[in-house]
Amino acid sequence: TPPQAQLSREKRIQNVADAFSLVPEFPNPYFLNKKFILIDDVCSTGATLNACAAALKSAGAASVWGLVLARG
């Protein structure tokens, strides 16, 4: 995806929409009922974390947590 630093909240959400998916080679049981932690360097709107979490949840993840190093 293009850099998001100068984008508005709406544009950031559009920028990451459908940007993340799971590789078909990984079987669904790998994600099913598992817990995940996503790590991001900077979080401004949460658009990237939300998009990644949605992909994991759609694969059956039990929970997805976000860890952010800085708020921007």
PDB file of N, CA and C in Angstrom:
ATOM      1  N   THR A   1       0.838  -1.185   0.000  1.00  0.00           N
ATOM      2  CA  THR A   1       0.000   0.000   0.000  1.00  0.00           C
ATOM      3  C   THR A   1       0.882   1.247   0.000  1.00  0.00           C
ATOM      4  N   PRO A   2       0.370   2.350  -0.544  1.00  0.00           N
ATOM      5  CA  PRO A   2       1.121   3.605  -0.506  1.00  0.00           C
ATOM      6  C   PRO A   2       1.259   4.106   0.936  1.00  0.00           C
ATOM      7  N   PRO A   3       2.254   4.963   1.208  1.00  0.00           N
ATOM      8  CA  PRO A   3       2.401   5.522   2.557  1.00  0.00           C
ATOM      9  C   PRO A   3       1.128   6.237   3.000  1.00  0.00           C
ATOM     10  N   GLN A   4       0.844   6.152   4.284  1.00  0.00           N
ATOM     11  CA  GLN A   4      -0.412   6.703   4.791  1.00  0.00           C
ATOM     12  C   GLN A   4      -0.232   7.976   5.609  1.00  0.00           C
ATOM     13  N   ALA A   5       1.006   8.406   5.817  1.00  0.00           N
ATOM     14  CA  ALA A   5       1.286   9.507   6.737  1.00  0.00           C
ATOM     15  C   ALA A   5       0.488  10.775   6.440  1.00  0.00           C
ATOM     16  N   GLN A   6       0.295  11.088   5.182  1.00  0.00           N
ATOM     17  CA  GLN A   6      -0.381  12.341   4.830  1.00  0.00           C
ATOM     18  C   GLN A   6      -1.849  12.148   4.457  1.00  0.00           C
ATOM     19  N   LEU A   7      -2.369  10.940   4.615  1.00  0.00           N
ATOM     20  CA  LEU A   7      -3.748  10.666   4.221  1.00  0.00           C
ATOM     21  C   LEU A   7      -4.727  10.958   5.352  1.00  0.00           C
ATOM     22  N   SER A   8      -5.942  11.323   4.981  1.00  0.00           N
ATOM     23  CA  SER A   8      -7.007  11.514   5.969  1.00  0.00           C
ATOM     24  C   SER A   8      -7.453  10.151   6.495  1.00  0.00           C
ATOM     25  N   ARG A   9      -8.234  10.166   7.551  1.00  0.00           N
ATOM     26  CA  ARG A   9      -8.742   8.915   8.128  1.00  0.00           C
ATOM     27  C   ARG A   9      -9.493   8.097   7.080  1.00  0.00           C
ATOM     28  N   GLU A  10     -10.369   8.752   6.322  1.00  0.00           N
ATOM     29  CA  GLU A  10     -11.158   8.050   5.305  1.00  0.00           C
ATOM     30  C   GLU A  10     -10.263   7.436   4.237  1.00  0.00           C
ATOM     31  N   LYS A  11      -9.256   8.194   3.808  1.00  0.00           N
ATOM     32  CA  LYS A  11      -8.337   7.691   2.776  1.00  0.00           C
ATOM     33  C   LYS A  11      -7.485   6.541   3.310  1.00  0.00           C
ATOM     34  N   ARG A  12      -7.121   6.591   4.589  1.00  0.00           N
ATOM     35  CA  ARG A  12      -6.343   5.493   5.177  1.00  0.00           C
ATOM     36  C   ARG A  12      -7.157   4.210   5.193  1.00  0.00           C
ATOM     37  N   ILE A  13      -8.419   4.322   5.545  1.00  0.00           N
ATOM     38  CA  ILE A  13      -9.292   3.145   5.565  1.00  0.00           C
ATOM     39  C   ILE A  13      -9.426   2.574   4.158  1.00  0.00           C
ATOM     40  N   GLN A  14      -9.612   3.454   3.166  1.00  0.00           N
ATOM     41  CA  GLN A  14      -9.701   2.999   1.775  1.00  0.00           C
ATOM     42  C   GLN A  14      -8.383   2.383   1.315  1.00  0.00           C
ATOM     43  N   ASN A  15      -7.279   2.954   1.754  1.00  0.00           N
ATOM     44  CA  ASN A  15      -5.949   2.509   1.342  1.00  0.00           C
ATOM     45  C   ASN A  15      -5.673   1.059   1.751  1.00  0.00           C
ATOM     46  N   VAL A  16      -6.175   0.655   2.908  1.00  0.00           N
ATOM     47  CA  VAL A  16      -5.904  -0.702   3.390  1.00  0.00           C
ATOM     48  C   VAL A  16      -7.071  -1.662   3.176  1.00  0.00           C
ATOM     49  N   ALA A  17      -8.170  -1.159   2.632  1.00  0.00           N
ATOM     50  CA  ALA A  17      -9.315  -2.041   2.370  1.00  0.00           C
ATOM     51  C   ALA A  17      -8.884  -3.155   1.419  1.00  0.00           C
ATOM     52  N   ASP A  18      -9.097  -4.371   1.827  1.00  0.00           N
ATOM     53  CA  ASP A  18      -8.750  -5.554   1.028  1.00  0.00           C
ATOM     54  C   ASP A  18      -7.252  -5.664   0.724  1.00  0.00           C
ATOM     55  N   ALA A  19      -6.419  -4.970   1.496  1.00  0.00           N
ATOM     56  CA  ALA A  19      -4.970  -5.037   1.271  1.00  0.00           C
ATOM     57  C   ALA A  19      -4.351  -6.265   1.918  1.00  0.00           C
ATOM     58  N   PHE A  20      -5.041  -6.852   2.891  1.00  0.00           N
ATOM     59  CA  PHE A  20      -4.490  -7.979   3.628  1.00  0.00           C
ATOM     60  C   PHE A  20      -5.356  -9.209   3.436  1.00  0.00           C
ATOM     61  N   SER A  21      -4.698 -10.320   3.176  1.00  0.00           N
ATOM     62  CA  SER A  21      -5.401 -11.599   3.060  1.00  0.00           C
ATOM     63  C   SER A  21      -4.440 -12.695   3.501  1.00  0.00           C
ATOM     64  N   LEU A  22      -4.978 -13.852   3.717  1.00  0.00           N
ATOM     65  CA  LEU A  22      -4.159 -14.971   4.159  1.00  0.00           C
ATOM     66  C   LEU A  22      -3.728 -15.806   2.971  1.00  0.00           C
ATOM     67  N   VAL A  23      -2.526 -16.318   3.032  1.00  0.00           N
ATOM     68  CA  VAL A  23      -1.984 -17.136   1.957  1.00  0.00           C
ATOM     69  C   VAL A  23      -2.729 -18.467   1.935  1.00  0.00           C
ATOM     70  N   PRO A  24      -3.259 -18.853   0.784  1.00  0.00           N
ATOM     71  CA  PRO A  24      -4.030 -20.099   0.713  1.00  0.00           C
ATOM     72  C   PRO A  24      -3.246 -21.344   1.133  1.00  0.00           C
ATOM     73  N   GLU A  25      -1.906 -21.280   1.074  1.00  0.00           N
ATOM     74  CA  GLU A  25      -1.104 -22.444   1.446  1.00  0.00           C
ATOM     75  C   GLU A  25      -1.189 -22.759   2.941  1.00  0.00           C
ATOM     76  N   PHE A  26      -1.545 -21.750   3.756  1.00  0.00           N
ATOM     77  CA  PHE A  26      -1.708 -21.989   5.188  1.00  0.00           C
ATOM     78  C   PHE A  26      -3.113 -22.509   5.433  1.00  0.00           C
ATOM     79  N   PRO A  27      -3.237 -23.695   5.977  1.00  0.00           N
ATOM     80  CA  PRO A  27      -4.571 -24.241   6.219  1.00  0.00           C
ATOM     81  C   PRO A  27      -5.302 -23.452   7.298  1.00  0.00           C
ATOM     82  N   ASN A  28      -6.611 -23.375   7.156  1.00  0.00           N
ATOM     83  CA  ASN A  28      -7.438 -22.657   8.113  1.00  0.00           C
ATOM     84  C   ASN A  28      -7.224 -23.121   9.551  1.00  0.00           C
ATOM     85  N   PRO A  29      -6.993 -24.416   9.834  1.00  0.00           N
ATOM     86  CA  PRO A  29      -6.780 -24.832  11.227  1.00  0.00           C
ATOM     87  C   PRO A  29      -5.600 -24.128  11.898  1.00  0.00           C
ATOM     88  N   TYR A  30      -4.658 -23.621  11.112  1.00  0.00           N
ATOM     89  CA  TYR A  30      -3.538 -22.889  11.685  1.00  0.00           C
ATOM     90  C   TYR A  30      -4.034 -21.644  12.431  1.00  0.00           C
ATOM     91  N   PHE A  31      -5.105 -21.028  11.948  1.00  0.00           N
ATOM     92  CA  PHE A  31      -5.635 -19.797  12.527  1.00  0.00           C
ATOM     93  C   PHE A  31      -6.823 -20.044  13.450  1.00  0.00           C
ATOM     94  N   LEU A  32      -7.481 -21.164  13.277  1.00  0.00           N
ATOM     95  CA  LEU A  32      -8.728 -21.444  13.987  1.00  0.00           C
ATOM     96  C   LEU A  32      -8.522 -21.469  15.499  1.00  0.00           C
ATOM     97  N   ASN A  33      -9.292 -20.629  16.184  1.00  0.00           N
ATOM     98  CA  ASN A  33      -9.288 -20.536  17.649  1.00  0.00           C
ATOM     99  C   ASN A  33      -7.928 -20.175  18.249  1.00  0.00           C
ATOM    100  N   LYS A  34      -7.075 -19.539  17.480  1.00  0.00           N
ATOM    101  CA  LYS A  34      -5.772 -19.102  17.975  1.00  0.00           C
ATOM    102  C   LYS A  34      -5.840 -17.624  18.378  1.00  0.00           C
ATOM    103  N   LYS A  35      -4.899 -17.208  19.211  1.00  0.00           N
ATOM    104  CA  LYS A  35      -4.787 -15.817  19.640  1.00  0.00           C
ATOM    105  C   LYS A  35      -3.591 -15.182  18.935  1.00  0.00           C
ATOM    106  N   PHE A  36      -3.769 -13.954  18.466  1.00  0.00           N
ATOM    107  CA  PHE A  36      -2.721 -13.263  17.719  1.00  0.00           C
ATOM    108  C   PHE A  36      -2.453 -11.891  18.309  1.00  0.00           C
ATOM    109  N   ILE A  37      -1.202 -11.464  18.225  1.00  0.00           N
ATOM    110  CA  ILE A  37      -0.810 -10.104  18.585  1.00  0.00           C
ATOM    111  C   ILE A  37      -0.218  -9.459  17.336  1.00  0.00           C
ATOM    112  N   LEU A  38      -0.794  -8.344  16.924  1.00  0.00           N
ATOM    113  CA  LEU A  38      -0.273  -7.569  15.801  1.00  0.00           C
ATOM    114  C   LEU A  38       0.583  -6.443  16.364  1.00  0.00           C
ATOM    115  N   ILE A  39       1.748  -6.236  15.791  1.00  0.00           N
ATOM    116  CA  ILE A  39       2.648  -5.183  16.254  1.00  0.00           C
ATOM    117  C   ILE A  39       2.806  -4.155  15.139  1.00  0.00           C
ATOM    118  N   ASP A  40       2.572  -2.892  15.484  1.00  0.00           N
ATOM    119  CA  ASP A  40       2.689  -1.801  14.522  1.00  0.00           C
ATOM    120  C   ASP A  40       3.576  -0.720  15.127  1.00  0.00           C
ATOM    121  N   ASP A  41       4.395  -0.091  14.304  1.00  0.00           N
ATOM    122  CA  ASP A  41       5.288   0.940  14.836  1.00  0.00           C
ATOM    123  C   ASP A  41       4.530   2.198  15.234  1.00  0.00           C
ATOM    124  N   VAL A  42       3.634   2.671  14.377  1.00  0.00           N
ATOM    125  CA  VAL A  42       2.870   3.883  14.660  1.00  0.00           C
ATOM    126  C   VAL A  42       1.404   3.632  14.325  1.00  0.00           C
ATOM    127  N   CYS A  43       0.524   4.080  15.198  1.00  0.00           N
ATOM    128  CA  CYS A  43      -0.912   3.951  14.953  1.00  0.00           C
ATOM    129  C   CYS A  43      -1.540   5.334  15.019  1.00  0.00           C
ATOM    130  N   SER A  44      -2.160   5.752  13.925  1.00  0.00           N
ATOM    131  CA  SER A  44      -2.859   7.037  13.907  1.00  0.00           C
ATOM    132  C   SER A  44      -4.363   6.827  13.964  1.00  0.00           C
ATOM    133  N   THR A  45      -4.867   6.031  13.037  1.00  0.00           N
ATOM    134  CA  THR A  45      -6.314   5.801  12.980  1.00  0.00           C
ATOM    135  C   THR A  45      -6.697   4.370  13.319  1.00  0.00           C
ATOM    136  N   GLY A  46      -5.734   3.470  13.285  1.00  0.00           N
ATOM    137  CA  GLY A  46      -6.029   2.062  13.526  1.00  0.00           C
ATOM    138  C   GLY A  46      -6.475   1.317  12.283  1.00  0.00           C
ATOM    139  N   ALA A  47      -6.447   1.978  11.130  1.00  0.00           N
ATOM    140  CA  ALA A  47      -6.937   1.358   9.896  1.00  0.00           C
ATOM    141  C   ALA A  47      -6.157   0.096   9.536  1.00  0.00           C
ATOM    142  N   THR A  48      -4.839   0.140   9.642  1.00  0.00           N
ATOM    143  CA  THR A  48      -4.021  -1.027   9.297  1.00  0.00           C
ATOM    144  C   THR A  48      -4.267  -2.171  10.266  1.00  0.00           C
ATOM    145  N   LEU A  49      -4.257  -1.871  11.557  1.00  0.00           N
ATOM    146  CA  LEU A  49      -4.510  -2.916  12.555  1.00  0.00           C
ATOM    147  C   LEU A  49      -5.892  -3.525  12.371  1.00  0.00           C
ATOM    148  N   ASN A  50      -6.894  -2.688  12.124  1.00  0.00           N
ATOM    149  CA  ASN A  50      -8.253  -3.203  11.933  1.00  0.00           C
ATOM    150  C   ASN A  50      -8.359  -4.089  10.701  1.00  0.00           C
ATOM    151  N   ALA A  51      -7.698  -3.694   9.607  1.00  0.00           N
ATOM    152  CA  ALA A  51      -7.752  -4.495   8.384  1.00  0.00           C
ATOM    153  C   ALA A  51      -7.057  -5.841   8.584  1.00  0.00           C
ATOM    154  N   CYS A  52      -5.914  -5.836   9.243  1.00  0.00           N
ATOM    155  CA  CYS A  52      -5.202  -7.095   9.516  1.00  0.00           C
ATOM    156  C   CYS A  52      -6.007  -7.981  10.459  1.00  0.00           C
ATOM    157  N   ALA A  53      -6.573  -7.378  11.487  1.00  0.00           N
ATOM    158  CA  ALA A  53      -7.375  -8.138  12.444  1.00  0.00           C
ATOM    159  C   ALA A  53      -8.588  -8.755  11.762  1.00  0.00           C
ATOM    160  N   ALA A  54      -9.205  -8.022  10.855  1.00  0.00           N
ATOM    161  CA  ALA A  54     -10.367  -8.550  10.141  1.00  0.00           C
ATOM    162  C   ALA A  54      -9.991  -9.776   9.316  1.00  0.00           C
ATOM    163  N   ALA A  55      -8.821  -9.749   8.677  1.00  0.00           N
ATOM    164  CA  ALA A  55      -8.372 -10.904   7.889  1.00  0.00           C
ATOM    165  C   ALA A  55      -8.159 -12.114   8.787  1.00  0.00           C
ATOM    166  N   LEU A  56      -7.539 -11.911   9.941  1.00  0.00           N
ATOM    167  CA  LEU A  56      -7.308 -13.024  10.870  1.00  0.00           C
ATOM    168  C   LEU A  56      -8.617 -13.550  11.452  1.00  0.00           C
ATOM    169  N   LYS A  57      -9.515 -12.651  11.804  1.00  0.00           N
ATOM    170  CA  LYS A  57     -10.799 -13.074  12.369  1.00  0.00           C
ATOM    171  C   LYS A  57     -11.617 -13.849  11.334  1.00  0.00           C
ATOM    172  N   SER A  58     -11.538 -13.432  10.075  1.00  0.00           N
ATOM    173  CA  SER A  58     -12.286 -14.144   9.035  1.00  0.00           C
ATOM    174  C   SER A  58     -11.750 -15.554   8.822  1.00  0.00           C
ATOM    175  N   ALA A  59     -10.492 -15.776   9.222  1.00  0.00           N
ATOM    176  CA  ALA A  59      -9.895 -17.113   9.111  1.00  0.00           C
ATOM    177  C   ALA A  59     -10.148 -17.949  10.358  1.00  0.00           C
ATOM    178  N   GLY A  60     -10.837 -17.360  11.341  1.00  0.00           N
ATOM    179  CA  GLY A  60     -11.197 -18.131  12.521  1.00  0.00           C
ATOM    180  C   GLY A  60     -10.407 -17.831  13.773  1.00  0.00           C
ATOM    181  N   ALA A  61      -9.615 -16.766  13.773  1.00  0.00           N
ATOM    182  CA  ALA A  61      -8.844 -16.411  14.969  1.00  0.00           C
ATOM    183  C   ALA A  61      -9.784 -16.165  16.140  1.00  0.00           C
ATOM    184  N   ALA A  62      -9.397 -16.654  17.319  1.00  0.00           N
ATOM    185  CA  ALA A  62     -10.214 -16.469  18.515  1.00  0.00           C
ATOM    186  C   ALA A  62     -10.155 -15.021  18.985  1.00  0.00           C
ATOM    187  N   SER A  63      -8.968 -14.442  18.962  1.00  0.00           N
ATOM    188  CA  SER A  63      -8.819 -13.042  19.356  1.00  0.00           C
ATOM    189  C   SER A  63      -7.589 -12.454  18.690  1.00  0.00           C
ATOM    190  N   VAL A  64      -7.645 -11.152  18.494  1.00  0.00           N
ATOM    191  CA  VAL A  64      -6.531 -10.431  17.887  1.00  0.00           C
ATOM    192  C   VAL A  64      -6.291  -9.177  18.726  1.00  0.00           C
ATOM    193  N   TRP A  65      -5.068  -9.028  19.208  1.00  0.00           N
ATOM    194  CA  TRP A  65      -4.678  -7.877  20.005  1.00  0.00           C
ATOM    195  C   TRP A  65      -3.691  -7.042  19.207  1.00  0.00           C
ATOM    196  N   GLY A  66      -3.714  -5.739  19.440  1.00  0.00           N
ATOM    197  CA  GLY A  66      -2.773  -4.841  18.799  1.00  0.00           C
ATOM    198  C   GLY A  66      -1.790  -4.275  19.798  1.00  0.00           C
ATOM    199  N   LEU A  67      -0.528  -4.236  19.426  1.00  0.00           N
ATOM    200  CA  LEU A  67       0.522  -3.614  20.224  1.00  0.00           C
ATOM    201  C   LEU A  67       1.140  -2.517  19.370  1.00  0.00           C
ATOM    202  N   VAL A  68       1.088  -1.290  19.868  1.00  0.00           N
ATOM    203  CA  VAL A  68       1.561  -0.139  19.111  1.00  0.00           C
ATOM    204  C   VAL A  68       2.710   0.517  19.863  1.00  0.00           C
ATOM    205  N   LEU A  69       3.774   0.860  19.134  1.00  0.00           N
ATOM    206  CA  LEU A  69       4.944   1.472  19.747  1.00  0.00           C
ATOM    207  C   LEU A  69       4.801   2.976  19.917  1.00  0.00           C
ATOM    208  N   ALA A  70       4.041   3.633  19.028  1.00  0.00           N
ATOM    209  CA  ALA A  70       3.839   5.077  19.120  1.00  0.00           C
ATOM    210  C   ALA A  70       2.480   5.442  18.547  1.00  0.00           C
ATOM    211  N   ARG A  71       1.931   6.501  19.055  1.00  0.00           N
ATOM    212  CA  ARG A  71       0.657   7.011  18.555  1.00  0.00           C
ATOM    213  C   ARG A  71       0.968   8.247  17.734  1.00  0.00           C
ATOM    214  N   GLY A  72       0.444   8.272  16.486  1.00  0.00           N
ATOM    215  CA  GLY A  72       0.784   9.390  15.617  1.00  0.00           C
ATOM    216  C   GLY A  72      -0.373  10.226  15.217  1.00  0.00           C
TER     217      GLY A  72
END
